[in-house]
Amino acid sequence: MRLLALAAAALVLAAPAVASEQHPSQDEVESEMVCPACHEPLDQSTSPVAEQMKAYIRKHIAMGWTKSRIEDGLIAQLGPSVIGVPRKHGFDLLAWLLPLLGIAVGAVALAAGAWYWSRNRAAENALATAGGPPLDPELERRVDEELARFDA
């Protein structure tokens, strides 16, 4: 049952990604690219190179190219520095996975620390409620006198 729900969720989430890849919008492609001249996001740049890149994207979207094919064409012409978002395959996949791995390791460390702390606190509380070591008879007498004086 859980596997079926997980598969359904994956399909629901994958459909927009596939549609985005097959039929990209100009704004979507431009937001993931960087102008090689001014190093600003392509959708915010007005340099001549950026305008040429925008025209290239517009032309190839009209021709029905996929987002990956358009990006690959720009990379072939201008180099990999035009990609503003790391790719989701190869070595660039680490840029997506390492932050998630760091969050997971931090959550595990936090949970382990909380568990260790709570276990030690329980042991300390057990010792404290058990009475601890017996008091010196003289000290016990003085405590009893002070308590009697306080009650009076």
Protein backbone atom coordinates (compact mmCIF):
# COMPACT_ATOMS: atom_id res chain seq x y z
CA MET A 1 0.00 0.00 0.00
CA ARG A 2 2.79 2.43 0.94
CA LEU A 3 4.71 1.51 -2.19
CA LEU A 4 1.67 2.29 -4.31
CA ALA A 5 1.24 5.68 -2.61
CA LEU A 6 4.94 6.45 -3.10
CA ALA A 7 4.73 5.52 -6.79
CA ALA A 8 1.66 7.73 -7.24
CA ALA A 9 3.42 10.66 -5.57
CA ALA A 10 6.46 10.16 -7.82
CA LEU A 11 4.25 10.23 -10.92
CA VAL A 12 2.46 13.37 -9.78
CA LEU A 13 5.76 15.13 -9.13
CA ALA A 14 7.44 13.84 -12.31
CA ALA A 15 4.72 15.01 -14.73
CA PRO A 16 5.51 18.75 -14.48
CA ALA A 17 9.24 18.06 -14.79
CA VAL A 18 8.73 16.05 -17.97
CA ALA A 19 6.43 18.72 -19.41
CA SER A 20 8.99 21.39 -18.53
CA GLU A 21 11.73 19.44 -20.30
CA GLN A 22 9.67 18.76 -23.44
CA HIS A 23 8.01 22.19 -23.73
CA PRO A 24 10.15 24.77 -21.92
CA SER A 25 9.20 28.39 -21.59
CA GLN A 26 11.61 31.18 -22.42
CA ASP A 27 11.52 32.51 -18.85
CA GLU A 28 12.27 29.06 -17.45
CA VAL A 29 15.36 28.52 -19.63
CA GLU A 30 16.61 32.09 -19.11
CA SER A 31 16.30 31.80 -15.32
CA GLU A 32 18.68 28.82 -15.33
CA MET A 33 21.33 30.46 -17.54
CA VAL A 34 24.05 33.04 -16.82
CA CYS A 35 25.38 35.70 -19.16
CA PRO A 36 29.05 34.92 -19.82
CA ALA A 37 29.86 38.63 -20.30
CA CYS A 38 28.44 40.15 -17.12
CA HIS A 39 27.86 37.00 -15.00
CA GLU A 40 24.29 38.03 -14.17
CA PRO A 41 21.29 35.75 -14.55
CA LEU A 42 20.31 35.76 -18.21
CA ASP A 43 16.77 36.92 -17.51
CA GLN A 44 18.19 40.06 -15.82
CA SER A 45 21.06 40.83 -18.20
CA THR A 46 20.85 43.27 -21.10
CA SER A 47 24.33 42.78 -22.56
CA PRO A 48 24.68 42.07 -26.28
CA VAL A 49 25.72 38.47 -25.59
CA ALA A 50 22.66 38.01 -23.36
CA GLU A 51 20.40 39.36 -26.09
CA GLN A 52 21.93 36.89 -28.58
CA MET A 53 21.39 34.04 -26.11
CA LYS A 54 17.75 35.09 -25.59
CA ALA A 55 17.19 35.14 -29.35
CA TYR A 56 18.78 31.68 -29.63
CA ILE A 57 16.49 30.35 -26.88
CA ARG A 58 13.39 31.95 -28.44
CA LYS A 59 14.24 30.53 -31.89
CA HIS A 60 14.86 27.00 -30.66
CA ILE A 61 11.78 26.90 -28.43
CA ALA A 62 9.77 27.81 -31.54
CA MET A 63 11.52 24.93 -33.36
CA GLY A 64 10.32 22.53 -30.61
CA TRP A 65 13.69 21.78 -29.02
CA THR A 66 13.78 20.42 -25.47
CA LYS A 67 15.25 22.41 -22.61
CA SER A 68 18.27 20.09 -22.39
CA ARG A 69 18.97 20.39 -26.11
CA ILE A 70 18.82 24.20 -25.96
CA GLU A 71 21.12 24.28 -22.93
CA ASP A 72 23.53 21.81 -24.56
CA GLY A 73 23.65 24.01 -27.67
CA LEU A 74 24.48 27.10 -25.62
CA ILE A 75 27.13 25.19 -23.66
CA ALA A 76 28.69 23.98 -26.92
CA GLN A 77 28.87 27.56 -28.23
CA LEU A 78 29.78 29.50 -25.07
CA GLY A 79 31.15 26.96 -22.57
CA PRO A 80 29.83 25.47 -19.33
CA SER A 81 29.95 28.81 -17.48
CA VAL A 82 26.55 29.73 -18.98
CA ILE A 83 24.76 27.22 -16.75
CA GLY A 84 23.55 28.92 -13.58
CA VAL A 85 22.05 25.82 -11.97
CA PRO A 86 24.09 22.64 -11.49
CA ARG A 87 23.10 19.75 -13.72
CA LYS A 88 21.35 16.77 -12.14
CA HIS A 89 23.75 14.12 -13.42
CA GLY A 90 27.44 13.31 -13.27
CA PHE A 91 29.73 15.21 -10.94
CA ASP A 92 27.30 18.15 -10.71
CA LEU A 93 24.83 15.87 -8.94
CA LEU A 94 26.98 16.33 -5.81
CA ALA A 95 25.85 19.96 -5.63
CA TRP A 96 22.31 18.67 -5.05
CA LEU A 97 23.13 15.67 -2.85
CA LEU A 98 25.76 17.04 -0.43
CA PRO A 99 23.47 19.61 1.23
CA LEU A 100 20.79 16.95 1.69
CA LEU A 101 23.37 14.56 3.09
CA GLY A 102 24.60 17.27 5.47
CA ILE A 103 21.07 17.89 6.71
CA ALA A 104 20.53 14.16 7.24
CA VAL A 105 23.82 13.74 9.14
CA GLY A 106 23.00 16.79 11.28
CA ALA A 107 19.54 15.42 12.09
CA VAL A 108 21.00 12.04 13.08
CA ALA A 109 23.68 13.71 15.23
CA LEU A 110 21.05 15.90 16.91
CA ALA A 111 18.81 12.89 17.58
CA ALA A 112 21.74 10.87 18.96
CA GLY A 113 22.77 13.77 21.20
CA ALA A 114 19.23 14.20 22.50
CA TRP A 115 18.93 10.47 23.16
CA TYR A 116 22.30 10.39 24.97
CA TRP A 117 21.42 13.46 27.03
CA SER A 118 18.01 12.08 28.01
CA ARG A 119 19.52 8.73 29.01
CA ASN A 120 22.12 10.43 31.24
CA ARG A 121 19.49 12.71 32.80
CA ALA A 122 17.36 9.68 33.65
CA ALA A 123 20.33 8.02 35.36
CA GLU A 124 21.13 11.20 37.32
CA ASN A 125 17.49 11.56 38.38
CA ALA A 126 17.39 7.93 39.54
CA LEU A 127 20.43 8.54 41.76
CA ALA A 128 18.94 11.75 43.14
CA THR A 129 15.58 10.17 44.02
CA ALA A 130 17.25 7.12 45.55
CA GLY A 131 18.59 9.35 48.32
CA GLY A 132 22.24 9.25 47.37
CA PRO A 133 24.90 8.53 49.95
CA PRO A 134 23.91 8.78 53.65
CA LEU A 135 24.52 12.08 55.45
CA ASP A 136 27.02 12.51 58.24
CA PRO A 137 25.11 12.11 61.58
CA GLU A 138 26.20 15.60 62.74
CA LEU A 139 25.04 17.19 59.48
CA GLU A 140 21.74 15.28 59.64
CA ARG A 141 21.17 16.56 63.21
CA ARG A 142 21.80 20.16 62.11
CA VAL A 143 19.39 19.80 59.17
CA ASP A 144 16.70 18.43 61.49
CA GLU A 145 17.20 21.35 63.92
CA GLU A 146 16.95 23.90 61.11
CA LEU A 147 13.80 22.27 59.75
CA ALA A 148 12.25 22.23 63.23
CA ARG A 149 13.12 25.90 63.73
CA PHE A 150 11.65 26.71 60.30
CA ASP A 151 8.36 24.92 61.12
CA ALA A 152 7.96 26.74 64.42
